[in-house]
Protein backbone atom coordinates (compact mmCIF):
# COMPACT_ATOMS: atom_id res chain seq x y z
CA HIS A 1 -25.67 -121.40 96.37
CA ASP A 2 -26.84 -121.09 99.95
CA ASP A 3 -24.10 -118.66 100.74
CA MET A 4 -25.75 -116.34 98.08
CA TYR A 5 -28.94 -116.40 100.03
CA PHE A 6 -27.44 -115.12 103.36
CA CYS A 7 -24.82 -112.92 101.74
CA PRO A 8 -26.21 -111.99 98.49
CA ASN A 9 -23.45 -110.54 96.07
CA TRP A 10 -20.69 -111.43 98.39
CA ASP A 11 -18.64 -112.33 95.53
CA LYS A 12 -18.94 -108.71 93.83
CA VAL A 13 -18.12 -107.10 97.07
CA PHE A 14 -15.01 -109.20 97.72
CA LEU A 15 -13.87 -108.53 93.97
CA SER A 16 -14.44 -104.73 94.82
CA GLU A 17 -12.17 -105.08 97.77
CA LEU A 18 -9.60 -107.01 95.73
CA ASN A 19 -9.47 -104.34 93.11
CA LYS A 20 -8.93 -101.56 95.94
CA ILE A 21 -5.52 -103.37 96.67
CA GLN A 22 -2.49 -101.59 94.86
CA ASP A 23 -0.02 -103.75 93.24
CA ASN A 24 3.02 -104.95 95.36
CA THR A 25 1.07 -104.37 98.60
CA ASP A 26 1.16 -106.70 101.41
CA PHE A 27 -2.45 -107.74 102.01
CA PHE A 28 -4.49 -110.57 103.69
CA LEU A 29 -8.08 -111.36 103.18
CA SER A 30 -9.80 -113.88 105.01
CA GLY A 31 -13.39 -115.52 105.32
CA THR A 32 -15.20 -117.73 107.93
CA MET A 33 -17.26 -120.60 106.52
CA VAL A 34 -20.39 -121.44 108.45
CA GLN A 35 -21.05 -125.16 108.45
CA PRO A 36 -23.95 -126.97 109.45
CA PHE A 37 -21.69 -129.40 111.37
CA GLU A 38 -19.21 -128.76 114.22
CA SER A 39 -16.91 -125.94 112.77
CA TYR A 40 -15.92 -122.43 113.80
CA ILE A 41 -19.49 -121.29 113.21
CA ASN A 42 -21.89 -124.09 113.52
CA LEU A 43 -25.32 -122.92 112.26
CA ASN A 44 -27.57 -125.39 110.38
CA CYS A 45 -30.13 -123.22 108.30
CA GLY A 46 -31.02 -126.24 105.97
CA ASP A 47 -29.44 -126.98 102.77
CA THR A 48 -32.31 -127.00 100.49
CA VAL A 49 -35.62 -124.88 100.21
CA ASN A 50 -37.27 -127.85 101.59
CA ASN A 51 -35.52 -127.90 104.96
CA PHE A 52 -34.51 -124.22 105.36
CA ASN A 53 -34.51 -123.14 108.90
CA GLU A 54 -37.67 -121.21 110.25
CA ASP A 55 -35.87 -120.21 113.31
CA TYR A 56 -33.25 -118.64 111.32
CA CYS A 57 -35.73 -116.75 109.24
CA LEU A 58 -37.51 -115.56 112.48
CA SER A 59 -34.05 -114.43 113.82
CA LEU A 60 -33.34 -112.38 111.11
CA ALA A 61 -36.90 -110.96 110.80
CA ASP A 62 -36.48 -109.93 114.61
CA THR A 63 -33.01 -108.55 113.87
CA TYR A 64 -34.28 -106.53 111.00
CA ASP A 65 -37.14 -105.06 113.29
CA VAL A 66 -34.46 -104.18 115.82
CA LEU A 67 -32.31 -102.41 113.11
CA GLU A 68 -35.73 -100.74 111.77
CA ASP A 69 -35.69 -102.15 108.42
CA SER A 70 -39.37 -102.85 108.10
CA ASP A 71 -39.27 -104.19 104.56
CA LYS A 72 -36.82 -106.97 105.39
CA ALA A 73 -38.58 -107.76 108.60
CA HIS A 74 -41.66 -108.41 106.80
CA GLU A 75 -39.91 -110.60 104.30
CA PHE A 76 -38.24 -112.89 106.70
CA TYR A 77 -41.60 -113.30 108.86
CA HIS A 78 -43.25 -114.12 105.64
CA LYS A 79 -40.34 -116.72 104.96
CA ALA A 80 -40.69 -118.06 108.47
CA ILE A 81 -44.33 -118.66 108.15
CA ALA A 82 -43.97 -120.16 104.81
CA ILE A 83 -41.66 -122.66 106.16
CA ALA A 84 -43.51 -123.43 109.33
CA PRO A 85 -47.21 -122.28 109.11
CA LYS A 86 -48.08 -124.17 112.31
CA ASP A 87 -45.49 -122.49 114.50
CA LEU A 88 -47.85 -120.32 116.85
CA ASN A 89 -44.49 -118.37 118.00
CA ILE A 90 -43.62 -117.05 114.27
CA TRP A 91 -47.27 -115.83 114.05
CA ILE A 92 -46.97 -113.99 117.45
CA HIS A 93 -43.53 -112.27 116.71
CA TYR A 94 -44.99 -111.26 113.41
CA VAL A 95 -48.09 -109.76 115.14
CA GLU A 96 -46.17 -108.18 117.79
CA PHE A 97 -43.99 -106.36 115.14
CA LEU A 98 -46.98 -105.02 113.28
CA MET A 99 -48.43 -103.63 116.41
CA ASP A 100 -45.29 -101.82 117.10
CA GLU A 101 -45.76 -100.28 113.46
CA GLU A 102 -49.31 -99.58 114.44
CA ASN A 103 -50.41 -101.56 111.49
CA TYR A 104 -53.34 -103.14 113.21
CA SER A 105 -55.37 -103.95 109.96
CA LEU A 106 -52.54 -106.32 108.77
CA ALA A 107 -52.00 -107.61 112.06
CA LEU A 108 -55.51 -108.47 112.18
CA GLU A 109 -55.49 -110.33 108.71
CA ILE A 110 -52.29 -112.22 109.71
CA LEU A 111 -53.99 -113.45 112.86
CA GLU A 112 -56.97 -114.76 110.63
CA GLU A 113 -54.34 -116.53 108.39
CA ALA A 114 -52.87 -117.95 111.50
CA GLN A 115 -56.25 -119.35 112.48
CA ALA A 116 -56.48 -121.02 109.16
CA HIS A 117 -53.34 -123.16 110.21
CA ILE A 118 -53.67 -123.35 114.11
CA SER A 119 -56.38 -123.62 116.46
CA ASP A 120 -55.15 -122.19 119.80
CA VAL A 121 -56.65 -119.65 122.32
CA ILE A 122 -53.47 -117.67 122.30
CA LEU A 123 -54.53 -116.51 118.86
CA ASP A 124 -57.74 -115.13 120.37
CA TYR A 125 -55.77 -113.35 122.99
CA ALA A 126 -53.65 -111.70 120.19
CA VAL A 127 -57.02 -110.78 118.22
CA ALA A 128 -58.33 -109.26 121.40
CA ALA A 129 -54.93 -107.47 122.27
CA VAL A 130 -54.82 -105.76 118.57
CA LEU A 131 -58.62 -104.84 118.84
CA LEU A 132 -57.92 -103.19 122.24
CA GLU A 133 -54.66 -101.53 121.19
CA SER A 134 -56.25 -100.26 118.02
CA GLY A 135 -59.33 -98.71 119.67
CA GLN A 136 -61.87 -101.07 118.85
CA ARG A 137 -62.59 -101.70 122.81
CA GLN A 138 -65.99 -103.19 122.45
CA GLU A 139 -64.93 -105.88 120.31
CA GLY A 140 -61.72 -106.43 122.07
CA PHE A 141 -63.46 -106.82 125.42
CA VAL A 142 -65.83 -109.16 124.07
CA LEU A 143 -63.08 -111.49 122.50
CA LEU A 144 -61.10 -111.29 125.77
CA GLY A 145 -63.67 -112.24 127.92
CA LYS A 146 -64.32 -115.25 125.66
CA ALA A 147 -60.62 -116.24 125.66
CA LEU A 148 -60.70 -115.97 129.47
CA THR A 149 -63.50 -118.60 129.79
CA VAL A 150 -61.60 -121.02 127.62
CA ASP A 151 -58.10 -120.86 129.19
CA TYR A 152 -57.78 -118.07 131.82
CA GLU A 153 -54.36 -119.27 132.53
CA ALA A 154 -53.13 -118.33 128.99
CA HIS A 155 -53.98 -114.61 129.63
CA LYS A 156 -50.33 -114.22 130.40
CA HIS A 157 -49.80 -114.06 126.56
CA PHE A 158 -52.14 -111.34 126.33
CA TYR A 159 -49.74 -108.99 128.18
CA GLN A 160 -46.62 -110.46 126.33
CA ILE A 161 -48.52 -109.51 123.08
CA ALA A 162 -49.55 -106.02 124.18
CA PRO A 163 -47.62 -104.92 127.15
CA THR A 164 -48.87 -101.50 127.22
CA LEU A 165 -52.42 -102.82 128.01
CA LYS A 166 -51.31 -103.67 131.57
CA GLU A 167 -51.86 -100.22 132.47
CA ASP A 168 -55.57 -100.27 131.17
CA SER A 169 -57.57 -100.63 134.53
CA ALA A 170 -60.50 -101.74 132.71
CA ILE A 171 -58.52 -104.74 131.10
CA GLN A 172 -57.21 -105.31 134.34
CA SER A 173 -60.61 -105.42 136.00
CA LEU A 174 -62.01 -107.80 133.47
CA ILE A 175 -58.95 -110.25 134.00
CA LEU A 176 -58.88 -110.23 137.44
CA HIS A 177 -62.64 -110.79 137.89
């Protein structure tokens, strides 16, 4: 069942709570159904593995990132990518997560994998950001310069991916000239 995916072992937790209730005690247990149609909670995450919703997986990954559960975040970034490998947004979210973890080598691997699925200058900006943030400045500047010549306006994504690089005067100089 799909409910087992989102709430694994919910039935065991429910039974455990039932067993805590003493005999001859008033109690009320309730549940809320999440449905892919107009209901109390309307959430369409797909009903088979073939149409599972990548946005939901991405949201879970981002949530686990905020909760500092790195393993679960990785798991759901991978699931989102598996569902929609041509969705640039998912790849960029994952790279930003990896950069926050200072896992630059994996970020570069992920970007190489992304480039096998998508051809977009934003991925070049992302690679440049990872290289620059990881201390590989010469390679990063070369790639940033190339990306700027391909699509200057897309440089705004560079700072979204690596906001700390806004303070780097050498980078600012390259972008502004």
